[in-house]
Protein backbone atom coordinates (compact mmCIF):
# COMPACT_ATOMS: atom_id res chain seq x y z
CA UNK A 1 19.09 3.52 8.29
CA UNK A 2 17.91 4.42 11.84
CA UNK A 3 14.26 3.79 13.09
CA UNK A 4 13.61 7.44 13.11
CA UNK A 5 14.25 7.74 9.28
CA UNK A 6 11.56 5.16 8.54
CA UNK A 7 8.30 6.06 7.70
CA UNK A 8 5.19 4.93 9.69
CA UNK A 9 4.57 2.04 11.89
CA UNK A 10 5.65 3.67 14.92
CA UNK A 11 4.15 0.97 17.41
CA UNK A 12 5.92 -1.67 15.30
CA UNK A 13 9.34 0.15 15.77
CA UNK A 14 8.99 0.26 19.34
CA UNK A 15 8.00 -3.49 19.63
CA UNK A 16 10.99 -4.45 17.35
CA UNK A 17 13.28 -2.25 19.58
CA UNK A 18 11.99 -3.79 22.97
CA UNK A 19 12.15 -7.36 21.33
CA UNK A 20 16.04 -6.41 20.89
CA UNK A 21 16.36 -5.04 24.20
CA UNK A 22 14.95 -8.32 25.84
CA UNK A 23 16.78 -10.45 23.73
CA UNK A 24 13.69 -12.30 22.31
CA UNK A 25 14.87 -11.73 18.68
CA UNK A 26 14.05 -14.82 16.75
CA UNK A 27 16.53 -16.27 14.18
CA UNK A 28 14.00 -16.15 11.47
CA UNK A 29 12.18 -12.88 10.88
CA UNK A 30 9.39 -12.71 8.29
CA UNK A 31 8.29 -8.64 7.46
CA UNK A 32 5.02 -8.90 5.52
CA UNK A 33 4.11 -5.85 3.59
CA UNK A 34 2.26 -4.69 0.27
CA UNK A 35 4.75 -3.30 -2.32
CA UNK A 36 6.45 -0.22 -1.03
CA UNK A 37 5.29 0.05 2.33
CA UNK A 38 8.94 0.27 3.64
CA UNK A 39 9.77 -3.39 4.99
CA UNK A 40 13.23 -3.11 3.41
CA UNK A 41 14.32 0.12 5.37
CA UNK A 42 12.60 -1.08 8.68
CA UNK A 43 14.46 -4.51 8.46
CA UNK A 44 17.54 -2.59 7.75
CA UNK A 45 17.02 -0.16 10.76
CA UNK A 46 16.42 -3.32 12.78
CA UNK A 47 19.60 -5.05 11.72
CA UNK A 48 21.57 -1.60 12.26
CA UNK A 49 20.24 -1.45 15.68
CA UNK A 50 21.15 -5.25 16.72
CA UNK A 51 24.72 -4.70 15.29
CA UNK A 52 25.45 -1.24 16.67
CA UNK A 53 27.80 -1.32 19.78
CA UNK A 54 26.86 2.24 20.81
CA UNK A 55 23.11 1.95 20.40
CA UNK A 56 20.85 3.94 23.07
CA UNK A 57 18.84 1.24 24.44
CA UNK A 58 14.97 1.90 24.01
CA UNK A 59 15.76 4.52 21.24
CA UNK A 60 17.85 3.84 18.27
CA UNK A 61 21.19 2.84 16.86
CA UNK A 62 23.93 5.65 16.95
CA UNK A 63 24.09 5.99 13.23
CA UNK A 64 27.77 7.10 13.23
CA UNK A 65 29.89 4.24 14.49
CA UNK A 66 31.80 1.90 11.84
CA UNK A 67 29.08 -0.74 11.80
CA UNK A 68 26.16 1.92 11.52
CA UNK A 69 27.81 3.42 8.23
CA UNK A 70 28.64 0.08 6.56
CA UNK A 71 25.26 -1.29 7.10
CA UNK A 72 23.62 2.07 5.84
CA UNK A 73 25.75 1.64 2.70
CA UNK A 74 24.95 -2.14 2.48
CA UNK A 75 28.52 -2.70 2.70
CA UNK A 76 28.79 -4.53 6.11
CA UNK A 77 30.95 -8.01 5.69
CA UNK A 78 28.54 -9.81 7.88
CA UNK A 79 25.38 -8.74 6.13
CA UNK A 80 24.31 -10.51 2.84
CA UNK A 81 21.26 -10.31 0.47
CA UNK A 82 19.44 -12.49 -2.01
CA UNK A 83 16.83 -10.97 -4.24
CA UNK A 84 15.05 -12.10 -7.29
CA UNK A 85 17.07 -12.25 -10.74
CA UNK A 86 16.52 -13.86 -14.05
CA UNK A 87 18.80 -15.57 -16.60
CA UNK A 88 17.59 -12.87 -19.22
CA UNK A 89 19.07 -9.99 -17.22
CA UNK A 90 21.90 -7.82 -18.45
CA UNK A 91 24.66 -10.16 -16.94
CA UNK A 92 24.21 -12.38 -20.00
CA UNK A 93 24.99 -15.28 -17.43
CA UNK A 94 23.17 -18.37 -17.74
CA UNK A 95 22.61 -18.70 -13.75
CA UNK A 96 22.96 -15.16 -12.35
CA UNK A 97 23.16 -14.68 -8.81
CA UNK A 98 22.35 -11.86 -6.67
CA UNK A 99 26.01 -10.78 -6.05
CA UNK A 100 26.16 -9.83 -9.76
CA UNK A 101 23.90 -7.03 -9.36
CA UNK A 102 24.96 -5.84 -5.95
CA UNK A 103 25.77 -2.60 -7.12
CA UNK A 104 22.47 -1.80 -8.65
CA UNK A 105 20.89 -2.94 -5.37
CA UNK A 106 22.66 -0.93 -3.40
CA UNK A 107 22.52 2.15 -5.47
CA UNK A 108 18.80 1.59 -5.87
CA UNK A 109 18.49 1.36 -2.07
CA UNK A 110 20.46 4.41 -1.52
CA UNK A 111 18.13 6.49 -4.21
CA UNK A 112 14.96 5.23 -2.86
CA UNK A 113 14.60 2.49 -0.01
CA UNK A 114 11.02 2.34 -0.75
CA UNK A 115 11.53 0.77 -4.14
CA UNK A 116 9.12 -1.50 -5.71
CA UNK A 117 9.51 -4.99 -7.31
CA UNK A 118 9.12 -3.33 -10.72
CA UNK A 119 11.54 -0.89 -9.96
CA UNK A 120 14.22 -3.55 -9.12
CA UNK A 121 13.41 -5.45 -12.36
CA UNK A 122 13.83 -2.49 -14.31
CA UNK A 123 17.12 -1.42 -12.65
CA UNK A 124 18.69 -4.93 -13.45
CA UNK A 125 17.27 -5.16 -16.76
CA UNK A 126 14.46 -7.59 -16.51
CA UNK A 127 11.49 -5.35 -16.76
CA UNK A 128 9.30 -7.88 -19.04
CA UNK A 129 10.61 -10.91 -16.97
CA UNK A 130 9.73 -12.64 -13.64
CA UNK A 131 12.60 -12.68 -11.31
CA UNK A 132 13.50 -15.93 -9.24
CA UNK A 133 15.65 -17.16 -6.28
CA UNK A 134 16.98 -20.29 -7.84
CA UNK A 135 18.81 -23.37 -6.21
CA UNK A 136 22.11 -21.92 -7.38
CA UNK A 137 21.37 -18.58 -5.14
CA UNK A 138 20.22 -20.78 -2.35
CA UNK A 139 23.67 -22.72 -2.26
CA UNK A 140 25.30 -18.98 -2.29
CA UNK A 141 23.05 -18.28 0.77
CA UNK A 142 24.41 -21.41 2.68
CA UNK A 143 28.18 -20.69 1.43
CA UNK A 144 27.95 -17.17 2.82
CA UNK A 145 26.51 -18.35 6.18
CA UNK A 146 29.05 -20.85 6.58
CA UNK A 147 31.61 -18.34 6.86
CA UNK A 148 32.84 -17.09 10.28
CA UNK A 149 31.67 -13.62 11.24
CA UNK A 150 34.13 -11.10 10.27
CA UNK A 151 33.69 -9.14 13.37
CA UNK A 152 33.02 -11.87 15.64
CA UNK A 153 29.35 -11.10 16.37
CA UNK A 154 26.02 -11.97 14.45
CA UNK A 155 25.46 -12.62 10.87
CA UNK A 156 22.54 -11.59 8.81
CA UNK A 157 20.98 -13.01 5.53
CA UNK A 158 18.27 -10.59 4.39
CA UNK A 159 16.14 -12.40 1.60
CA UNK A 160 13.88 -9.81 -0.37
CA UNK A 161 10.79 -11.49 -1.78
CA UNK A 162 11.37 -15.15 -0.73
CA UNK A 163 8.08 -16.10 -2.46
CA UNK A 164 9.94 -15.89 -6.01
CA UNK A 165 12.05 -18.94 -4.51
CA UNK A 166 11.53 -22.11 -6.79
CA UNK A 167 10.55 -25.50 -4.60
CA UNK A 168 13.92 -26.83 -4.78
CA UNK A 169 15.67 -23.67 -3.55
CA UNK A 170 13.40 -23.24 -0.59
CA UNK A 171 13.93 -26.88 0.23
CA UNK A 172 17.83 -26.25 0.21
CA UNK A 173 17.33 -23.68 2.87
CA UNK A 174 14.83 -25.07 4.93
CA UNK A 175 17.39 -27.03 7.32
CA UNK A 176 19.74 -23.94 8.20
CA UNK A 177 16.43 -21.87 8.86
CA UNK A 178 15.18 -24.68 11.27
CA UNK A 179 18.56 -25.04 12.84
CA UNK A 180 20.68 -21.88 12.44
CA UNK A 181 24.26 -21.68 13.73
CA UNK A 182 24.53 -19.47 16.74
CA UNK A 183 23.96 -15.66 15.91
CA UNK A 184 22.62 -16.06 12.70
CA UNK A 185 19.58 -14.56 11.54
CA UNK A 186 17.57 -15.03 8.67
CA UNK A 187 15.36 -11.61 7.56
CA UNK A 188 12.56 -12.36 4.93
CA UNK A 189 10.89 -9.40 3.35
CA UNK A 190 7.82 -10.62 1.45
CA UNK A 191 4.75 -9.45 -0.27
CA UNK A 192 3.11 -12.65 -0.30
CA UNK A 193 3.84 -14.97 2.68
CA UNK A 194 1.06 -17.53 1.30
CA UNK A 195 3.55 -18.48 -1.61
CA UNK A 196 6.33 -19.35 0.94
CA UNK A 197 6.63 -23.10 1.89
CA UNK A 198 4.67 -23.71 4.98
CA UNK A 199 7.84 -25.18 6.79
CA UNK A 200 9.97 -22.09 6.51
CA UNK A 201 6.90 -19.83 7.13
CA UNK A 202 5.78 -21.57 10.42
CA UNK A 203 9.42 -21.37 11.67
CA UNK A 204 9.67 -17.45 11.05
CA UNK A 205 8.23 -14.63 13.62
CA UNK A 206 5.80 -12.67 11.25
CA UNK A 207 6.11 -8.79 11.47
CA UNK A 208 3.26 -7.31 9.43
CA UNK A 209 3.65 -3.74 8.16
CA UNK A 210 0.70 -1.15 8.10
CA UNK A 211 0.08 1.44 5.54
CA UNK A 212 1.84 4.84 6.49
CA UNK A 213 -0.67 7.25 7.63
CA UNK A 214 -1.87 10.07 5.16
CA UNK A 215 -0.54 12.67 7.77
CA UNK A 216 2.93 11.55 7.53
CA UNK A 217 3.12 10.36 4.03
CA UNK A 218 1.67 13.57 2.46
CA UNK A 219 4.48 15.87 4.21
CA UNK A 220 7.28 13.24 3.21
CA UNK A 221 5.93 13.42 -0.63
CA UNK A 222 5.67 17.13 -0.59
CA UNK A 223 9.07 17.82 0.72
CA UNK A 224 10.69 14.78 -1.42
CA UNK A 225 9.15 15.70 -4.58
CA UNK A 226 7.89 19.44 -4.36
CA UNK A 227 4.56 18.56 -5.15
CA UNK A 228 1.94 20.91 -3.52
CA UNK A 229 0.15 19.74 -0.24
CA UNK A 230 -2.98 19.19 -1.91
CA UNK A 231 -1.47 17.08 -4.47
CA UNK A 232 0.67 15.20 -2.05
CA UNK A 233 -2.47 14.28 -0.07
CA UNK A 234 -4.06 12.87 -3.17
CA UNK A 235 -1.12 10.48 -4.06
CA UNK A 236 -0.92 9.48 -0.39
CA UNK A 237 -4.46 8.47 -0.20
CA UNK A 238 -4.33 6.83 -3.88
CA UNK A 239 -1.11 4.72 -3.15
CA UNK A 240 -2.93 3.02 -0.26
CA UNK A 241 -0.44 4.47 2.18
CA UNK A 242 2.48 2.94 0.45
CA UNK A 243 5.47 5.42 -0.07
CA UNK A 244 7.13 3.58 -3.11
CA UNK A 245 3.89 3.55 -5.01
CA UNK A 246 2.99 7.02 -4.24
CA UNK A 247 6.89 8.17 -5.24
CA UNK A 248 6.47 6.35 -8.55
CA UNK A 249 3.06 7.80 -9.41
CA UNK A 250 4.50 11.39 -8.79
CA UNK A 251 7.87 10.71 -10.57
CA UNK A 252 6.47 9.56 -13.63
CA UNK A 253 6.82 5.40 -13.79
CA UNK A 254 3.33 5.09 -12.40
CA UNK A 255 1.03 2.68 -13.59
CA UNK A 256 -1.16 5.55 -15.22
CA UNK A 257 1.71 6.77 -17.33
CA UNK A 258 2.54 3.11 -18.35
CA UNK A 259 -1.06 1.94 -18.89
CA UNK A 260 -3.44 4.81 -19.41
CA UNK A 261 -2.62 5.38 -23.11
CA UNK A 262 -3.08 1.50 -23.78
CA UNK A 263 -6.54 1.54 -21.92
CA UNK A 264 -7.97 4.83 -23.52
CA UNK A 265 -6.95 3.51 -26.94
CA UNK A 266 -8.73 0.38 -26.02
CA UNK A 267 -11.82 2.04 -24.76
CA UNK A 268 -11.93 4.75 -27.72
CA UNK A 269 -12.41 1.66 -30.10
CA UNK A 270 -14.87 0.10 -28.13
CA UNK A 271 -16.94 3.51 -28.06
CA UNK A 272 -16.04 3.83 -31.75
CA UNK A 273 -17.29 0.53 -32.74
CA UNK A 274 -14.15 -0.25 -34.35
CA UNK A 275 -13.48 -3.91 -33.69
CA UNK A 276 -10.23 -4.03 -36.26
CA UNK A 277 -8.60 -1.37 -34.40
CA UNK A 278 -9.47 -2.83 -31.11
CA UNK A 279 -7.93 -6.27 -32.20
CA UNK A 280 -4.71 -4.44 -33.57
CA UNK A 281 -4.44 -2.40 -30.67
CA UNK A 282 -3.51 -5.76 -28.70
CA UNK A 283 -0.21 -5.75 -30.02
CA UNK A 284 1.10 -3.01 -27.61
CA UNK A 285 -0.49 -5.03 -24.52
CA UNK A 286 1.27 -8.17 -25.68
CA UNK A 287 4.63 -6.58 -25.68
CA UNK A 288 4.18 -5.80 -22.25
CA UNK A 289 5.22 -9.15 -21.00
CA UNK A 290 3.58 -11.22 -18.56
CA UNK A 291 4.14 -9.37 -15.18
CA UNK A 292 3.04 -5.92 -16.81
CA UNK A 293 0.03 -7.42 -18.49
CA UNK A 294 -1.25 -8.26 -14.85
CA UNK A 295 -0.78 -4.88 -13.99
CA UNK A 296 -2.40 -3.49 -16.85
CA UNK A 297 -5.48 -5.43 -15.88
CA UNK A 298 -5.26 -4.34 -12.33
CA UNK A 299 -5.02 -0.82 -13.45
CA UNK A 300 -7.70 -0.82 -16.01
CA UNK A 301 -10.10 -2.18 -13.15
CA UNK A 302 -9.02 0.65 -10.95
CA UNK A 303 -9.75 3.18 -13.66
CA UNK A 304 -13.05 1.88 -14.38
CA UNK A 305 -13.91 2.11 -10.64
CA UNK A 306 -13.20 5.60 -10.74
CA UNK A 307 -15.14 6.47 -14.07
CA UNK A 308 -18.02 4.49 -12.43
CA UNK A 309 -18.08 6.61 -9.04
CA UNK A 310 -17.72 9.79 -11.24
CA UNK A 311 -20.71 8.97 -13.26
CA UNK A 312 -22.66 8.25 -9.98
CA UNK A 313 -21.62 11.91 -8.69
CA UNK A 314 -18.98 10.67 -6.45
CA UNK A 315 -16.10 11.99 -8.23
CA UNK A 316 -14.90 13.72 -5.11
CA UNK A 317 -13.78 10.46 -3.43
CA UNK A 318 -12.90 8.74 -6.54
CA UNK A 319 -9.14 9.82 -6.08
CA UNK A 320 -8.40 10.74 -9.70
CA UNK A 321 -5.14 11.36 -10.67
CA UNK A 322 -4.19 14.79 -12.46
CA UNK A 323 -3.16 12.59 -15.50
CA UNK A 324 -6.33 10.77 -15.35
CA UNK A 325 -8.81 13.34 -15.07
CA UNK A 326 -9.58 14.08 -18.83
CA UNK A 327 -9.81 10.18 -19.71
CA UNK A 328 -12.18 9.72 -16.36
CA UNK A 329 -14.53 12.58 -17.57
CA UNK A 330 -14.62 11.31 -21.25
CA UNK A 331 -15.66 7.55 -20.23
CA UNK A 332 -17.68 8.11 -17.35
CA UNK A 333 -20.30 10.08 -19.70
CA UNK A 334 -19.69 7.50 -22.73
CA UNK A 335 -19.84 4.00 -20.71
CA UNK A 336 -23.32 3.11 -19.75
CA UNK A 337 -24.15 1.69 -16.11
CA UNK A 338 -24.36 -1.88 -17.28
CA UNK A 339 -20.91 -1.58 -18.60
CA UNK A 340 -18.86 -1.53 -15.43
CA UNK A 341 -19.55 -4.85 -13.42
CA UNK A 342 -18.99 -7.17 -16.48
CA UNK A 343 -16.16 -5.18 -17.48
CA UNK A 344 -14.36 -5.40 -14.00
CA UNK A 345 -15.13 -9.21 -14.18
CA UNK A 346 -13.39 -9.42 -17.89
CA UNK A 347 -10.12 -7.71 -16.93
CA UNK A 348 -10.20 -9.88 -13.63
CA UNK A 349 -10.44 -12.76 -15.80
CA UNK A 350 -7.61 -11.82 -18.14
CA UNK A 351 -5.40 -11.20 -15.26
CA UNK A 352 -6.19 -14.50 -13.74
CA UNK A 353 -5.63 -16.23 -17.08
CA UNK A 354 -2.41 -14.69 -17.58
CA UNK A 355 -1.39 -15.47 -14.14
CA UNK A 356 -2.04 -19.23 -14.92
CA UNK A 357 0.24 -18.93 -18.36
CA UNK A 358 -2.71 -19.12 -20.65
CA UNK A 359 -1.74 -17.91 -23.93
CA UNK A 360 -1.70 -14.19 -23.81
CA UNK A 361 -2.85 -13.70 -27.44
CA UNK A 362 -6.12 -15.75 -26.80
CA UNK A 363 -6.50 -13.96 -23.45
CA UNK A 364 -6.39 -10.29 -24.71
CA UNK A 365 -8.33 -11.25 -27.89
CA UNK A 366 -11.19 -12.74 -25.86
CA UNK A 367 -10.95 -9.58 -23.70
CA UNK A 368 -11.33 -7.08 -26.37
CA UNK A 369 -14.22 -9.09 -27.87
CA UNK A 370 -16.12 -9.22 -24.40
CA UNK A 371 -15.72 -5.47 -24.06
CA UNK A 372 -16.81 -4.79 -27.53
CA UNK A 373 -19.94 -6.90 -26.97
CA UNK A 374 -20.74 -5.54 -23.73
CA UNK A 375 -20.81 -1.59 -24.97
CA UNK A 376 -22.20 -2.32 -28.54
CA UNK A 377 -24.64 -5.30 -28.00
CA UNK A 378 -25.28 -4.52 -24.14
CA UNK A 379 -24.83 -8.35 -23.43
């Protein structure tokens, strides 16, 4: 991956290039992004630039030397990876390591370097679980970095989502992050830096990515997927400048496709005053698994916000997706103004409870009872 191939963040790319050229590259860099922004391809472009022996200073790596080709394929012997996996994954191992899924990791990156966390979990077979970076993985990281550089230059360890490290794993890595061996670099890509232990965070140079501009993202989406230009603009805006999320929306793995049927069924039961059907419908939500239950709550809040805006005559700026249009029209007229604010709070309360490991059956039973009361009794 070359810098010129990475979407957006032009000023940041220039700063990274200058950092390398001036010899000011820290031994621990932490790329901070929202899911799908493109921190992984940007980090790969940086590593490729640092490793390229024929780079054009101030511009980019050559892209054609053996080092560049191996890095672009994620096959360089001095480039190592760690990412969240889970014991419930398809390996069947009690303590799976990233290495068991390296082929999946490489193929996913080659297909879409802007992939999201759910994309990875789907690929490695843990879509209904939470990935973790265990102490066994930390030991593998230390073992990998203890080896001599294959080419005699630098060694890189790229840790994707270090916030998924448990405390024991993080503490195991702390010493080498504090006192790395010469020409050894840690590259962290995180969506939640506040969840990484402060001792690692404080020793890392923070690099924050910004959303890709609508003017750059929309043409990319149109060329990549073939959607009409006006739809590409809508997806670029709705995704918040995240290429990964925008591609998921277009390619059918979006939150709309996954959660809209569940939400509309729930709201139909609310409007139809059918409490038994509302309670029975919870089975589908409970089957999602904890991470996707949280996503369902977030999607529901976003959908209700669009319906409220449409009800108040602001539909032109509500960013309603084509797949949502009929449902937004239906419920914006059916749900009263008094419903929305308390419904937002109910879904957010459910999401927080799920995140805190409260029993999901109790959480969603309470949620549908609250929604039913809000609509039918105007509480």
